[in-house]
Amino acid sequence: MINSLDAAFLNACKNGQKEIVETLFRKGGFNVNKRDEHGHTPLFYACKKGARDVVKLLIANGADVNISDNEGISPLHGVSSGGNREIVKMLVDAGADLNAADAQGKTALIYTIVERKTEAAKFLLSLGADNSLKDSNGQTALDHAVAAGLRDLVPLLLGAGEHKDNYGNTPLHQAAYSGQSEVVQALLKQGGTDLNALNDQGETALILAVQNSNLVITELLVKAGSDVNLKLLNGSSPLHYAAAEGNVFIGEALINAGADVNLKNTDGETPLIVAAMKGRNDFTSLLIESGADIKAADNLQHSALWYATDGDFAEIARLLIEAGAGRSLI
């Protein structure tokens, strides 16, 4: 139950009304750490508002800097999401726990990164924030920085070492999936990154880049030495995924790097069969020119020509027939 003075004090702090806060302090009769129905304290509201002078008054009058709300969010979390370094310093100097986590395991450092407050994140690091702590998804500050594309932060966070989140993704997976080419470059430049690490789905960073048709990241990873023939759990290689997407430029990059054009997945499908199934004319032509076996059949004994005719892909059928595919449609 919040009495009228507690409510007035909360509102004054929420609105950053320094004069009213001072008047209420002189009068007294309220709880400086009173929480509302959300668990928010006057200090939390003042921090969210960015009301420096009110925060200073509250701390000077005994406000607890570590009281968190119903979701485990502390005043430091609240101000970090806004990037106010001055108030961050005030809270830390008053004893705020730099590494306290909310109900989702997110620290103040992660809050700054999620909100793309790069300078505030650097400031927290300078104060000693632990960048190795993981949230409830197993993601560290580095993972969040990679996902947000904050390339300036990545080198500062790499000291936490190579790690995987709860889904087996490394920072390189995160960067490739998010399409963050500059972050990929930063990770590769730093060294020590396992190019061929598999996540829980058996995916490499290269496969994620190919699946997203990202030529720039594909070329970066290939140039760095990623295995172009490493298969997913279903036996599909990067070239299979490139064939499915029909991205000829990515296909060329993979083939030039040594991708096996006749590699089969667990269904016995070659990249050529996949291209024919999906109606990818140009990719079919690329594979034929690159020496793909036009008569190869999958586990159902169906060839690329069979799929071309079954899908009514006349141009692909013509390409295959002119390349020497037999009359048999098996």
C-alpha atoms as a PDB file:
ATOM      1  CA  MET A   1       0.000   0.000   0.000  1.00  0.00           C
ATOM      2  CA  ILE A   2       1.431   3.372  -1.025  1.00  0.00           C
ATOM      3  CA  ASN A   3       0.375   6.371   1.081  1.00  0.00           C
ATOM      4  CA  SER A   4      -0.134   9.808  -0.414  1.00  0.00           C
ATOM      5  CA  LEU A   5       3.333  11.090   0.489  1.00  0.00           C
ATOM      6  CA  ASP A   6       5.011   7.994  -0.961  1.00  0.00           C
ATOM      7  CA  ALA A   7       2.984   8.425  -4.154  1.00  0.00           C
ATOM      8  CA  ALA A   8       3.823  12.131  -4.370  1.00  0.00           C
ATOM      9  CA  PHE A   9       7.504  11.380  -3.868  1.00  0.00           C
ATOM     10  CA  LEU A  10       7.499   8.673  -6.529  1.00  0.00           C
ATOM     11  CA  ASN A  11       5.807  11.014  -9.003  1.00  0.00           C
ATOM     12  CA  ALA A  12       8.218  13.861  -8.273  1.00  0.00           C
ATOM     13  CA  CYS A  13      11.197  11.562  -8.888  1.00  0.00           C
ATOM     14  CA  LYS A  14       9.591  10.086 -12.000  1.00  0.00           C
ATOM     15  CA  ASN A  15       9.180  13.585 -13.439  1.00  0.00           C
ATOM     16  CA  GLY A  16      12.593  14.823 -12.345  1.00  0.00           C
ATOM     17  CA  GLN A  17      11.133  17.598 -10.167  1.00  0.00           C
ATOM     18  CA  LYS A  18      14.103  18.568  -8.014  1.00  0.00           C
ATOM     19  CA  GLU A  19      12.391  21.370  -6.063  1.00  0.00           C
ATOM     20  CA  ILE A  20       9.466  19.161  -5.065  1.00  0.00           C
ATOM     21  CA  VAL A  21      11.827  16.359  -4.059  1.00  0.00           C
ATOM     22  CA  GLU A  22      13.763  18.798  -1.875  1.00  0.00           C
ATOM     23  CA  THR A  23      10.529  20.046  -0.274  1.00  0.00           C
ATOM     24  CA  LEU A  24       9.393  16.505   0.477  1.00  0.00           C
ATOM     25  CA  PHE A  25      12.762  15.645   2.012  1.00  0.00           C
ATOM     26  CA  ARG A  26      12.414  18.611   4.345  1.00  0.00           C
ATOM     27  CA  LYS A  27       8.907  17.498   5.308  1.00  0.00           C
ATOM     28  CA  GLY A  28       9.685  13.787   5.701  1.00  0.00           C
ATOM     29  CA  GLY A  29       7.107  11.096   6.430  1.00  0.00           C
ATOM     30  CA  PHE A  30       7.753   8.882   3.404  1.00  0.00           C
ATOM     31  CA  ASN A  31       9.947   5.887   2.499  1.00  0.00           C
ATOM     32  CA  VAL A  32      12.815   6.852   0.176  1.00  0.00           C
ATOM     33  CA  ASN A  33      12.973   3.227  -1.022  1.00  0.00           C
ATOM     34  CA  LYS A  34       9.228   2.647  -1.401  1.00  0.00           C
ATOM     35  CA  ARG A  35       8.430   0.373  -4.345  1.00  0.00           C
ATOM     36  CA  ASP A  36       5.305   0.724  -6.486  1.00  0.00           C
ATOM     37  CA  GLU A  37       3.273  -2.143  -7.955  1.00  0.00           C
ATOM     38  CA  HIS A  38       5.996  -2.750 -10.558  1.00  0.00           C
ATOM     39  CA  GLY A  39       8.697  -2.821  -7.921  1.00  0.00           C
ATOM     40  CA  HIS A  40      10.137   0.487  -9.102  1.00  0.00           C
ATOM     41  CA  THR A  41      11.721   2.774  -6.525  1.00  0.00           C
ATOM     42  CA  PRO A  42      12.014   6.589  -6.662  1.00  0.00           C
ATOM     43  CA  LEU A  43      15.690   6.137  -7.586  1.00  0.00           C
ATOM     44  CA  PHE A  44      14.798   3.849 -10.476  1.00  0.00           C
ATOM     45  CA  TYR A  45      12.422   6.455 -11.897  1.00  0.00           C
ATOM     46  CA  ALA A  46      14.904   9.295 -11.462  1.00  0.00           C
ATOM     47  CA  CYS A  47      17.568   7.250 -13.261  1.00  0.00           C
ATOM     48  CA  LYS A  48      15.234   6.398 -16.147  1.00  0.00           C
ATOM     49  CA  LYS A  49      14.350  10.080 -16.408  1.00  0.00           C
ATOM     50  CA  GLY A  50      18.009  11.017 -16.477  1.00  0.00           C
ATOM     51  CA  ALA A  51      17.392  13.472 -13.634  1.00  0.00           C
ATOM     52  CA  ARG A  52      20.954  13.822 -12.373  1.00  0.00           C
ATOM     53  CA  ASP A  53      20.206  16.273  -9.566  1.00  0.00           C
ATOM     54  CA  VAL A  54      17.334  14.161  -8.242  1.00  0.00           C
ATOM     55  CA  VAL A  55      19.511  11.036  -8.343  1.00  0.00           C
ATOM     56  CA  LYS A  56      22.176  12.891  -6.391  1.00  0.00           C
ATOM     57  CA  LEU A  57      19.633  13.953  -3.765  1.00  0.00           C
ATOM     58  CA  LEU A  58      18.271  10.442  -3.426  1.00  0.00           C
ATOM     59  CA  ILE A  59      21.686   8.858  -2.970  1.00  0.00           C
ATOM     60  CA  ALA A  60      22.651  11.522  -0.431  1.00  0.00           C
ATOM     61  CA  ASN A  61      19.492  10.753   1.530  1.00  0.00           C
ATOM     62  CA  GLY A  62      19.963   7.008   1.742  1.00  0.00           C
ATOM     63  CA  ALA A  63      18.353   5.591  -1.393  1.00  0.00           C
ATOM     64  CA  ASP A  64      19.364   1.957  -1.941  1.00  0.00           C
ATOM     65  CA  VAL A  65      21.120   1.788  -5.319  1.00  0.00           C
ATOM     66  CA  ASN A  66      20.706  -1.988  -5.631  1.00  0.00           C
ATOM     67  CA  ILE A  67      16.954  -2.477  -5.187  1.00  0.00           C
ATOM     68  CA  SER A  68      15.592  -4.129  -8.328  1.00  0.00           C
ATOM     69  CA  ASP A  69      12.014  -4.230  -9.613  1.00  0.00           C
ATOM     70  CA  ASN A  70       9.726  -7.216 -10.155  1.00  0.00           C
ATOM     71  CA  GLU A  71      11.729  -8.179 -13.260  1.00  0.00           C
ATOM     72  CA  GLY A  72      15.079  -7.882 -11.538  1.00  0.00           C
ATOM     73  CA  ILE A  73      15.828  -4.562 -13.236  1.00  0.00           C
ATOM     74  CA  SER A  74      17.930  -2.245 -11.081  1.00  0.00           C
ATOM     75  CA  PRO A  75      18.463   1.522 -11.323  1.00  0.00           C
ATOM     76  CA  LEU A  76      21.809   0.798 -13.009  1.00  0.00           C
ATOM     77  CA  HIS A  77      20.046  -1.301 -15.652  1.00  0.00           C
ATOM     78  CA  GLY A  78      17.563   1.492 -16.207  1.00  0.00           C
ATOM     79  CA  VAL A  79      20.111   4.257 -16.660  1.00  0.00           C
ATOM     80  CA  SER A  80      22.455   2.061 -18.715  1.00  0.00           C
ATOM     81  CA  SER A  81      19.778   1.508 -21.348  1.00  0.00           C
ATOM     82  CA  GLY A  82      19.730   5.298 -21.798  1.00  0.00           C
ATOM     83  CA  GLY A  83      23.508   5.577 -21.858  1.00  0.00           C
ATOM     84  CA  ASN A  84      23.820   8.311 -19.220  1.00  0.00           C
ATOM     85  CA  ARG A  85      27.421   7.872 -18.111  1.00  0.00           C
ATOM     86  CA  GLU A  86      27.301  10.546 -15.424  1.00  0.00           C
ATOM     87  CA  ILE A  87      24.480   8.834 -13.559  1.00  0.00           C
ATOM     88  CA  VAL A  88      26.100   5.447 -14.112  1.00  0.00           C
ATOM     89  CA  LYS A  89      29.199   6.758 -12.346  1.00  0.00           C
ATOM     90  CA  MET A  90      27.096   8.174  -9.479  1.00  0.00           C
ATOM     91  CA  LEU A  91      25.421   4.817  -8.931  1.00  0.00           C
ATOM     92  CA  VAL A  92      28.641   2.821  -9.108  1.00  0.00           C
ATOM     93  CA  ASP A  93      30.379   5.208  -6.734  1.00  0.00           C
ATOM     94  CA  ALA A  94      27.448   4.697  -4.344  1.00  0.00           C
ATOM     95  CA  GLY A  95      27.904   0.936  -4.430  1.00  0.00           C
ATOM     96  CA  ALA A  96      25.729  -0.259  -7.309  1.00  0.00           C
ATOM     97  CA  ASP A  97      26.525  -3.816  -8.363  1.00  0.00           C
ATOM     98  CA  LEU A  98      28.070  -3.492 -11.847  1.00  0.00           C
ATOM     99  CA  ASN A  99      27.369  -7.110 -12.696  1.00  0.00           C
ATOM    100  CA  ALA A 100      23.883  -7.581 -11.261  1.00  0.00           C
ATOM    101  CA  ALA A 101      21.615  -9.446 -13.676  1.00  0.00           C
ATOM    102  CA  ASP A 102      17.897  -9.030 -14.267  1.00  0.00           C
ATOM    103  CA  ALA A 103      15.419 -11.921 -14.484  1.00  0.00           C
ATOM    104  CA  GLN A 104      16.677 -12.681 -18.010  1.00  0.00           C
ATOM    105  CA  GLY A 105      20.282 -12.697 -16.928  1.00  0.00           C
ATOM    106  CA  LYS A 106      21.097  -9.388 -18.598  1.00  0.00           C
ATOM    107  CA  THR A 107      23.661  -7.117 -16.959  1.00  0.00           C
ATOM    108  CA  ALA A 108      23.926  -3.339 -17.274  1.00  0.00           C
ATOM    109  CA  LEU A 109      26.656  -3.885 -19.880  1.00  0.00           C
ATOM    110  CA  ILE A 110      24.316  -5.972 -21.999  1.00  0.00           C
ATOM    111  CA  TYR A 111      21.616  -3.309 -21.623  1.00  0.00           C
ATOM    112  CA  THR A 112      23.903  -0.649 -23.092  1.00  0.00           C
ATOM    113  CA  ILE A 113      24.803  -2.908 -25.992  1.00  0.00           C
ATOM    114  CA  VAL A 114      21.219  -3.916 -26.794  1.00  0.00           C
ATOM    115  CA  GLU A 115      20.343  -0.210 -26.924  1.00  0.00           C
ATOM    116  CA  ARG A 116      23.479   0.494 -29.017  1.00  0.00           C
ATOM    117  CA  LYS A 117      24.962   2.851 -26.445  1.00  0.00           C
ATOM    118  CA  THR A 118      28.563   2.155 -27.426  1.00  0.00           C
ATOM    119  CA  GLU A 119      30.229   4.843 -25.331  1.00  0.00           C
ATOM    120  CA  ALA A 120      28.244   3.836 -22.258  1.00  0.00           C
ATOM    121  CA  ALA A 121      29.301   0.215 -22.808  1.00  0.00           C
ATOM    122  CA  LYS A 122      32.943   1.265 -23.044  1.00  0.00           C
ATOM    123  CA  PHE A 123      32.493   3.273 -19.856  1.00  0.00           C
ATOM    124  CA  LEU A 124      31.071   0.282 -17.982  1.00  0.00           C
ATOM    125  CA  LEU A 125      33.989  -1.821 -19.176  1.00  0.00           C
ATOM    126  CA  SER A 126      36.397   0.830 -17.901  1.00  0.00           C
ATOM    127  CA  LEU A 127      34.677   0.610 -14.511  1.00  0.00           C
ATOM    128  CA  GLY A 128      35.238  -3.145 -14.424  1.00  0.00           C
ATOM    129  CA  ALA A 129      32.047  -4.659 -15.836  1.00  0.00           C
ATOM    130  CA  ASP A 130      32.442  -8.401 -16.440  1.00  0.00           C
ATOM    131  CA  ASN A 131      31.972  -9.097 -20.154  1.00  0.00           C
ATOM    132  CA  SER A 132      32.071 -12.881 -19.758  1.00  0.00           C
ATOM    133  CA  LEU A 133      28.707 -13.182 -17.985  1.00  0.00           C
ATOM    134  CA  LYS A 134      25.946 -14.943 -19.928  1.00  0.00           C
ATOM    135  CA  ASP A 135      22.245 -14.162 -20.010  1.00  0.00           C
ATOM    136  CA  SER A 136      19.511 -16.795 -19.860  1.00  0.00           C
ATOM    137  CA  ASN A 137      20.093 -17.606 -23.550  1.00  0.00           C
ATOM    138  CA  GLY A 138      23.772 -18.206 -22.904  1.00  0.00           C
ATOM    139  CA  GLN A 139      24.728 -15.005 -24.721  1.00  0.00           C
ATOM    140  CA  THR A 140      27.469 -12.695 -23.525  1.00  0.00           C
ATOM    141  CA  ALA A 141      28.019  -8.998 -24.144  1.00  0.00           C
ATOM    142  CA  LEU A 142      30.082 -10.012 -27.195  1.00  0.00           C
ATOM    143  CA  ASP A 143      27.172 -11.948 -28.686  1.00  0.00           C
ATOM    144  CA  HIS A 144      24.890  -8.947 -28.284  1.00  0.00           C
ATOM    145  CA  ALA A 145      27.511  -6.593 -29.726  1.00  0.00           C
ATOM    146  CA  VAL A 146      27.910  -8.863 -32.744  1.00  0.00           C
ATOM    147  CA  ALA A 147      24.147  -9.063 -33.293  1.00  0.00           C
ATOM    148  CA  ALA A 148      23.890  -5.275 -33.033  1.00  0.00           C
ATOM    149  CA  GLY A 149      26.797  -4.758 -35.431  1.00  0.00           C
ATOM    150  CA  LEU A 150      28.824  -2.708 -32.939  1.00  0.00           C
ATOM    151  CA  ARG A 151      32.192  -3.370 -34.564  1.00  0.00           C
ATOM    152  CA  ASP A 152      34.036  -0.860 -32.353  1.00  0.00           C
ATOM    153  CA  LEU A 153      33.101  -2.856 -29.278  1.00  0.00           C
ATOM    154  CA  VAL A 154      33.966  -6.291 -30.615  1.00  0.00           C
ATOM    155  CA  PRO A 155      37.759  -6.033 -30.108  1.00  0.00           C
ATOM    156  CA  LEU A 156      37.192  -4.832 -26.537  1.00  0.00           C
ATOM    157  CA  LEU A 157      34.957  -7.800 -25.752  1.00  0.00           C
ATOM    158  CA  LEU A 158      36.940 -10.553 -27.425  1.00  0.00           C
ATOM    159  CA  GLY A 159      39.062 -10.998 -24.326  1.00  0.00           C
ATOM    160  CA  ALA A 160      36.250 -13.116 -22.939  1.00  0.00           C
ATOM    161  CA  GLY A 161      37.382 -15.849 -25.332  1.00  0.00           C
ATOM    162  CA  GLU A 162      35.624 -18.146 -27.765  1.00  0.00           C
ATOM    163  CA  HIS A 163      32.330 -19.430 -26.419  1.00  0.00           C
ATOM    164  CA  LYS A 164      28.954 -20.722 -27.525  1.00  0.00           C
ATOM    165  CA  ASP A 165      25.463 -19.675 -26.512  1.00  0.00           C
ATOM    166  CA  ASN A 166      22.705 -22.077 -25.492  1.00  0.00           C
ATOM    167  CA  TYR A 167      22.156 -22.965 -29.166  1.00  0.00           C
ATOM    168  CA  GLY A 168      25.796 -23.653 -29.916  1.00  0.00           C
ATOM    169  CA  ASN A 169      26.372 -20.398 -31.803  1.00  0.00           C
ATOM    170  CA  THR A 170      29.751 -18.692 -31.606  1.00  0.00           C
ATOM    171  CA  PRO A 171      30.148 -14.936 -32.163  1.00  0.00           C
ATOM    172  CA  LEU A 172      31.112 -15.750 -35.752  1.00  0.00           C
ATOM    173  CA  HIS A 173      27.803 -17.604 -36.219  1.00  0.00           C
ATOM    174  CA  GLN A 174      26.002 -14.579 -34.802  1.00  0.00           C
ATOM    175  CA  ALA A 175      27.784 -12.169 -37.123  1.00  0.00           C
ATOM    176  CA  ALA A 176      27.229 -14.313 -40.212  1.00  0.00           C
ATOM    177  CA  TYR A 177      23.552 -14.828 -39.409  1.00  0.00           C
ATOM    178  CA  SER A 178      22.998 -11.136 -38.723  1.00  0.00           C
ATOM    179  CA  GLY A 179      24.768 -10.075 -41.907  1.00  0.00           C
ATOM    180  CA  GLN A 180      27.373  -8.056 -39.995  1.00  0.00           C
ATOM    181  CA  SER A 181      30.263  -8.147 -42.475  1.00  0.00           C
ATOM    182  CA  GLU A 182      32.397  -5.598 -40.610  1.00  0.00           C
ATOM    183  CA  VAL A 183      32.018  -7.579 -37.397  1.00  0.00           C
ATOM    184  CA  VAL A 184      33.001 -10.744 -39.264  1.00  0.00           C
ATOM    185  CA  GLN A 185      36.119  -8.909 -40.427  1.00  0.00           C
ATOM    186  CA  ALA A 186      36.901  -7.846 -36.874  1.00  0.00           C
ATOM    187  CA  LEU A 187      36.521 -11.403 -35.578  1.00  0.00           C
ATOM    188  CA  LEU A 188      38.713 -12.818 -38.335  1.00  0.00           C
ATOM    189  CA  LYS A 189      41.343 -10.124 -37.826  1.00  0.00           C
ATOM    190  CA  GLN A 190      41.501 -10.857 -34.110  1.00  0.00           C
ATOM    191  CA  GLY A 191      42.371 -14.489 -34.788  1.00  0.00           C
ATOM    192  CA  GLY A 192      41.691 -17.572 -32.709  1.00  0.00           C
ATOM    193  CA  THR A 193      38.213 -18.026 -34.182  1.00  0.00           C
ATOM    194  CA  ASP A 194      37.148 -21.542 -35.142  1.00  0.00           C
ATOM    195  CA  LEU A 195      35.932 -21.023 -38.704  1.00  0.00           C
ATOM    196  CA  ASN A 196      34.303 -24.428 -38.886  1.00  0.00           C
ATOM    197  CA  ALA A 197      32.630 -24.572 -35.475  1.00  0.00           C
ATOM    198  CA  LEU A 198      29.189 -26.199 -35.604  1.00  0.00           C
ATOM    199  CA  ASN A 199      26.131 -24.967 -33.730  1.00  0.00           C
ATOM    200  CA  ASP A 200      23.485 -27.343 -32.408  1.00  0.00           C
ATOM    201  CA  GLN A 201      21.934 -27.565 -35.873  1.00  0.00           C
ATOM    202  CA  GLY A 202      25.292 -28.551 -37.334  1.00  0.00           C
ATOM    203  CA  GLU A 203      25.617 -25.218 -39.121  1.00  0.00           C
ATOM    204  CA  THR A 204      28.882 -23.397 -39.717  1.00  0.00           C
ATOM    205  CA  ALA A 205      29.120 -19.640 -40.088  1.00  0.00           C
ATOM    206  CA  LEU A 206      29.656 -20.207 -43.815  1.00  0.00           C
ATOM    207  CA  ILE A 207      26.416 -22.140 -44.174  1.00  0.00           C
ATOM    208  CA  LEU A 208      24.519 -19.363 -42.394  1.00  0.00           C
ATOM    209  CA  ALA A 209      26.040 -16.775 -44.733  1.00  0.00           C
ATOM    210  CA  VAL A 210      25.094 -18.848 -47.775  1.00  0.00           C
ATOM    211  CA  GLN A 211      21.570 -19.483 -46.486  1.00  0.00           C
ATOM    212  CA  ASN A 212      21.137 -15.721 -46.176  1.00  0.00           C
ATOM    213  CA  SER A 213      22.623 -15.140 -49.662  1.00  0.00           C
ATOM    214  CA  ASN A 214      25.317 -12.885 -48.214  1.00  0.00           C
ATOM    215  CA  LEU A 215      28.082 -12.817 -50.802  1.00  0.00           C
ATOM    216  CA  VAL A 216      30.373 -10.457 -48.891  1.00  0.00           C
ATOM    217  CA  ILE A 217      30.466 -12.616 -45.757  1.00  0.00           C
ATOM    218  CA  THR A 218      30.693 -15.795 -47.826  1.00  0.00           C
ATOM    219  CA  GLU A 219      33.783 -14.459 -49.584  1.00  0.00           C
ATOM    220  CA  LEU A 220      35.328 -13.315 -46.295  1.00  0.00           C
ATOM    221  CA  LEU A 221      34.870 -16.735 -44.729  1.00  0.00           C
ATOM    222  CA  VAL A 222      36.058 -18.613 -47.801  1.00  0.00           C
ATOM    223  CA  LYS A 223      39.146 -16.437 -48.066  1.00  0.00           C
ATOM    224  CA  ALA A 224      39.861 -17.023 -44.374  1.00  0.00           C
ATOM    225  CA  GLY A 225      39.817 -20.781 -44.948  1.00  0.00           C
ATOM    226  CA  SER A 226      36.328 -22.018 -44.057  1.00  0.00           C
ATOM    227  CA  ASP A 227      35.697 -25.589 -45.192  1.00  0.00           C
ATOM    228  CA  VAL A 228      33.469 -25.268 -48.270  1.00  0.00           C
ATOM    229  CA  ASN A 229      32.562 -28.960 -48.181  1.00  0.00           C
ATOM    230  CA  LEU A 230      31.626 -29.272 -44.504  1.00  0.00           C
ATOM    231  CA  LYS A 231      28.102 -30.660 -44.327  1.00  0.00           C
ATOM    232  CA  LEU A 232      25.106 -29.850 -42.166  1.00  0.00           C
ATOM    233  CA  LEU A 233      23.500 -32.682 -40.169  1.00  0.00           C
ATOM    234  CA  ASN A 234      21.272 -33.413 -43.172  1.00  0.00           C
ATOM    235  CA  GLY A 235      24.362 -33.858 -45.305  1.00  0.00           C
ATOM    236  CA  SER A 236      23.876 -30.648 -47.256  1.00  0.00           C
ATOM    237  CA  SER A 237      26.948 -28.589 -48.059  1.00  0.00           C
ATOM    238  CA  PRO A 238      27.157 -24.832 -48.574  1.00  0.00           C
ATOM    239  CA  LEU A 239      26.834 -25.446 -52.302  1.00  0.00           C
ATOM    240  CA  HIS A 240      23.510 -27.257 -51.774  1.00  0.00           C
ATOM    241  CA  TYR A 241      22.165 -24.183 -49.997  1.00  0.00           C
ATOM    242  CA  ALA A 242      23.528 -21.862 -52.649  1.00  0.00           C
ATOM    243  CA  ALA A 243      21.787 -24.005 -55.263  1.00  0.00           C
ATOM    244  CA  ALA A 244      18.512 -23.818 -53.360  1.00  0.00           C
ATOM    245  CA  GLU A 245      18.778 -20.022 -53.170  1.00  0.00           C
ATOM    246  CA  GLY A 246      19.950 -19.773 -56.768  1.00  0.00           C
ATOM    247  CA  ASN A 247      22.714 -17.284 -55.975  1.00  0.00           C
ATOM    248  CA  VAL A 248      25.178 -17.755 -58.817  1.00  0.00           C
ATOM    249  CA  PHE A 249      27.785 -15.385 -57.387  1.00  0.00           C
ATOM    250  CA  ILE A 250      27.932 -17.335 -54.149  1.00  0.00           C
ATOM    251  CA  GLY A 251      28.024 -20.557 -56.137  1.00  0.00           C
ATOM    252  CA  GLU A 252      30.998 -19.311 -58.105  1.00  0.00           C
ATOM    253  CA  ALA A 253      32.805 -18.265 -54.922  1.00  0.00           C
ATOM    254  CA  LEU A 254      32.292 -21.712 -53.392  1.00  0.00           C
ATOM    255  CA  ILE A 255      33.265 -23.609 -56.533  1.00  0.00           C
ATOM    256  CA  ASN A 256      36.381 -21.476 -57.028  1.00  0.00           C
ATOM    257  CA  ALA A 257      37.321 -22.335 -53.448  1.00  0.00           C
ATOM    258  CA  GLY A 258      37.053 -26.056 -54.131  1.00  0.00           C
ATOM    259  CA  ALA A 259      33.428 -26.934 -53.397  1.00  0.00           C
ATOM    260  CA  ASP A 260      32.563 -30.461 -54.605  1.00  0.00           C
ATOM    261  CA  VAL A 261      29.825 -30.056 -57.230  1.00  0.00           C
ATOM    262  CA  ASN A 262      28.805 -33.706 -56.897  1.00  0.00           C
ATOM    263  CA  LEU A 263      28.575 -33.979 -53.123  1.00  0.00           C
ATOM    264  CA  LYS A 264      25.365 -35.698 -52.005  1.00  0.00           C
ATOM    265  CA  ASN A 265      23.240 -34.984 -48.950  1.00  0.00           C
ATOM    266  CA  THR A 266      21.478 -37.657 -46.887  1.00  0.00           C
ATOM    267  CA  ASP A 267      18.672 -37.788 -49.487  1.00  0.00           C
ATOM    268  CA  GLY A 268      21.231 -38.460 -52.175  1.00  0.00           C
ATOM    269  CA  GLU A 269      20.696 -35.051 -53.767  1.00  0.00           C
ATOM    270  CA  THR A 270      23.549 -33.262 -55.500  1.00  0.00           C
ATOM    271  CA  PRO A 271      23.599 -29.468 -55.815  1.00  0.00           C
ATOM    272  CA  LEU A 272      22.491 -29.929 -59.438  1.00  0.00           C
ATOM    273  CA  ILE A 273      19.438 -31.915 -58.370  1.00  0.00           C
ATOM    274  CA  VAL A 274      18.584 -29.222 -55.819  1.00  0.00           C
ATOM    275  CA  ALA A 275      18.934 -26.491 -58.448  1.00  0.00           C
ATOM    276  CA  ALA A 276      16.664 -28.424 -60.822  1.00  0.00           C
ATOM    277  CA  MET A 277      14.089 -29.044 -58.084  1.00  0.00           C
ATOM    278  CA  LYS A 278      13.989 -25.314 -57.259  1.00  0.00           C
ATOM    279  CA  GLY A 279      13.905 -24.138 -60.852  1.00  0.00           C
ATOM    280  CA  ARG A 280      17.215 -22.270 -60.646  1.00  0.00           C
ATOM    281  CA  ASN A 281      18.140 -21.839 -64.319  1.00  0.00           C
ATOM    282  CA  ASP A 282      21.376 -19.886 -63.982  1.00  0.00           C
ATOM    283  CA  PHE A 283      22.639 -22.018 -61.138  1.00  0.00           C
ATOM    284  CA  THR A 284      21.937 -25.153 -63.142  1.00  0.00           C
ATOM    285  CA  SER A 285      23.983 -23.708 -65.990  1.00  0.00           C
ATOM    286  CA  LEU A 286      26.840 -22.861 -63.586  1.00  0.00           C
ATOM    287  CA  LEU A 287      26.917 -26.396 -62.208  1.00  0.00           C
ATOM    288  CA  ILE A 288      26.879 -27.970 -65.647  1.00  0.00           C
ATOM    289  CA  GLU A 289      29.748 -25.727 -66.732  1.00  0.00           C
ATOM    290  CA  SER A 290      31.613 -26.683 -63.554  1.00  0.00           C
ATOM    291  CA  GLY A 291      31.457 -30.402 -64.338  1.00  0.00           C
ATOM    292  CA  ALA A 292      28.464 -31.556 -62.309  1.00  0.00           C
ATOM    293  CA  ASP A 293      27.327 -35.126 -62.999  1.00  0.00           C
ATOM    294  CA  ILE A 294      24.102 -34.547 -64.935  1.00  0.00           C
ATOM    295  CA  LYS A 295      23.056 -38.188 -64.615  1.00  0.00           C
ATOM    296  CA  ALA A 296      23.463 -38.490 -60.844  1.00  0.00           C
ATOM    297  CA  ALA A 297      20.326 -39.750 -59.088  1.00  0.00           C
ATOM    298  CA  ASP A 298      19.059 -39.307 -55.529  1.00  0.00           C
ATOM    299  CA  ASN A 299      17.849 -41.999 -53.123  1.00  0.00           C
ATOM    300  CA  LEU A 300      14.551 -42.170 -55.058  1.00  0.00           C
ATOM    301  CA  GLN A 301      16.519 -42.771 -58.242  1.00  0.00           C
ATOM    302  CA  HIS A 302      15.393 -39.422 -59.627  1.00  0.00           C
ATOM    303  CA  SER A 303      17.839 -37.313 -61.621  1.00  0.00           C
ATOM    304  CA  ALA A 304      18.015 -33.571 -62.148  1.00  0.00           C
ATOM    305  CA  LEU A 305      16.241 -34.060 -65.477  1.00  0.00           C
ATOM    306  CA  TRP A 306      13.395 -35.882 -63.755  1.00  0.00           C
ATOM    307  CA  TYR A 307      12.880 -32.973 -61.360  1.00  0.00           C
ATOM    308  CA  ALA A 308      13.105 -30.441 -64.172  1.00  0.00           C
ATOM    309  CA  THR A 309      10.342 -32.152 -66.102  1.00  0.00           C
ATOM    310  CA  ASP A 310       8.304 -32.838 -62.986  1.00  0.00           C
ATOM    311  CA  GLY A 311       8.443 -29.153 -62.068  1.00  0.00           C
ATOM    312  CA  ASP A 312       7.808 -28.004 -65.631  1.00  0.00           C
ATOM    313  CA  PHE A 313      11.116 -26.158 -65.740  1.00  0.00           C
ATOM    314  CA  ALA A 314      11.573 -26.240 -69.503  1.00  0.00           C
ATOM    315  CA  GLU A 315      14.765 -24.173 -69.620  1.00  0.00           C
ATOM    316  CA  ILE A 316      16.499 -26.406 -67.088  1.00  0.00           C
ATOM    317  CA  ALA A 317      15.363 -29.513 -68.951  1.00  0.00           C
ATOM    318  CA  ARG A 318      16.787 -28.038 -72.164  1.00  0.00           C
ATOM    319  CA  LEU A 319      20.115 -27.255 -70.493  1.00  0.00           C
ATOM    320  CA  LEU A 320      20.396 -30.778 -69.122  1.00  0.00           C
ATOM    321  CA  ILE A 321      19.434 -32.487 -72.373  1.00  0.00           C
ATOM    322  CA  GLU A 322      21.858 -30.368 -74.392  1.00  0.00           C
ATOM    323  CA  ALA A 323      24.548 -31.255 -71.854  1.00  0.00           C
ATOM    324  CA  GLY A 324      23.966 -34.947 -72.518  1.00  0.00           C
ATOM    325  CA  ALA A 325      21.351 -36.071 -70.032  1.00  0.00           C
ATOM    326  CA  GLY A 326      19.861 -39.310 -71.376  1.00  0.00           C
ATOM    327  CA  ARG A 327      16.354 -39.910 -72.487  1.00  0.00           C
ATOM    328  CA  SER A 328      15.620 -41.799 -69.299  1.00  0.00           C
ATOM    329  CA  LEU A 329      13.919 -39.604 -66.685  1.00  0.00           C
ATOM    330  CA  ILE A 330      14.841 -41.819 -63.730  1.00  0.00           C
END
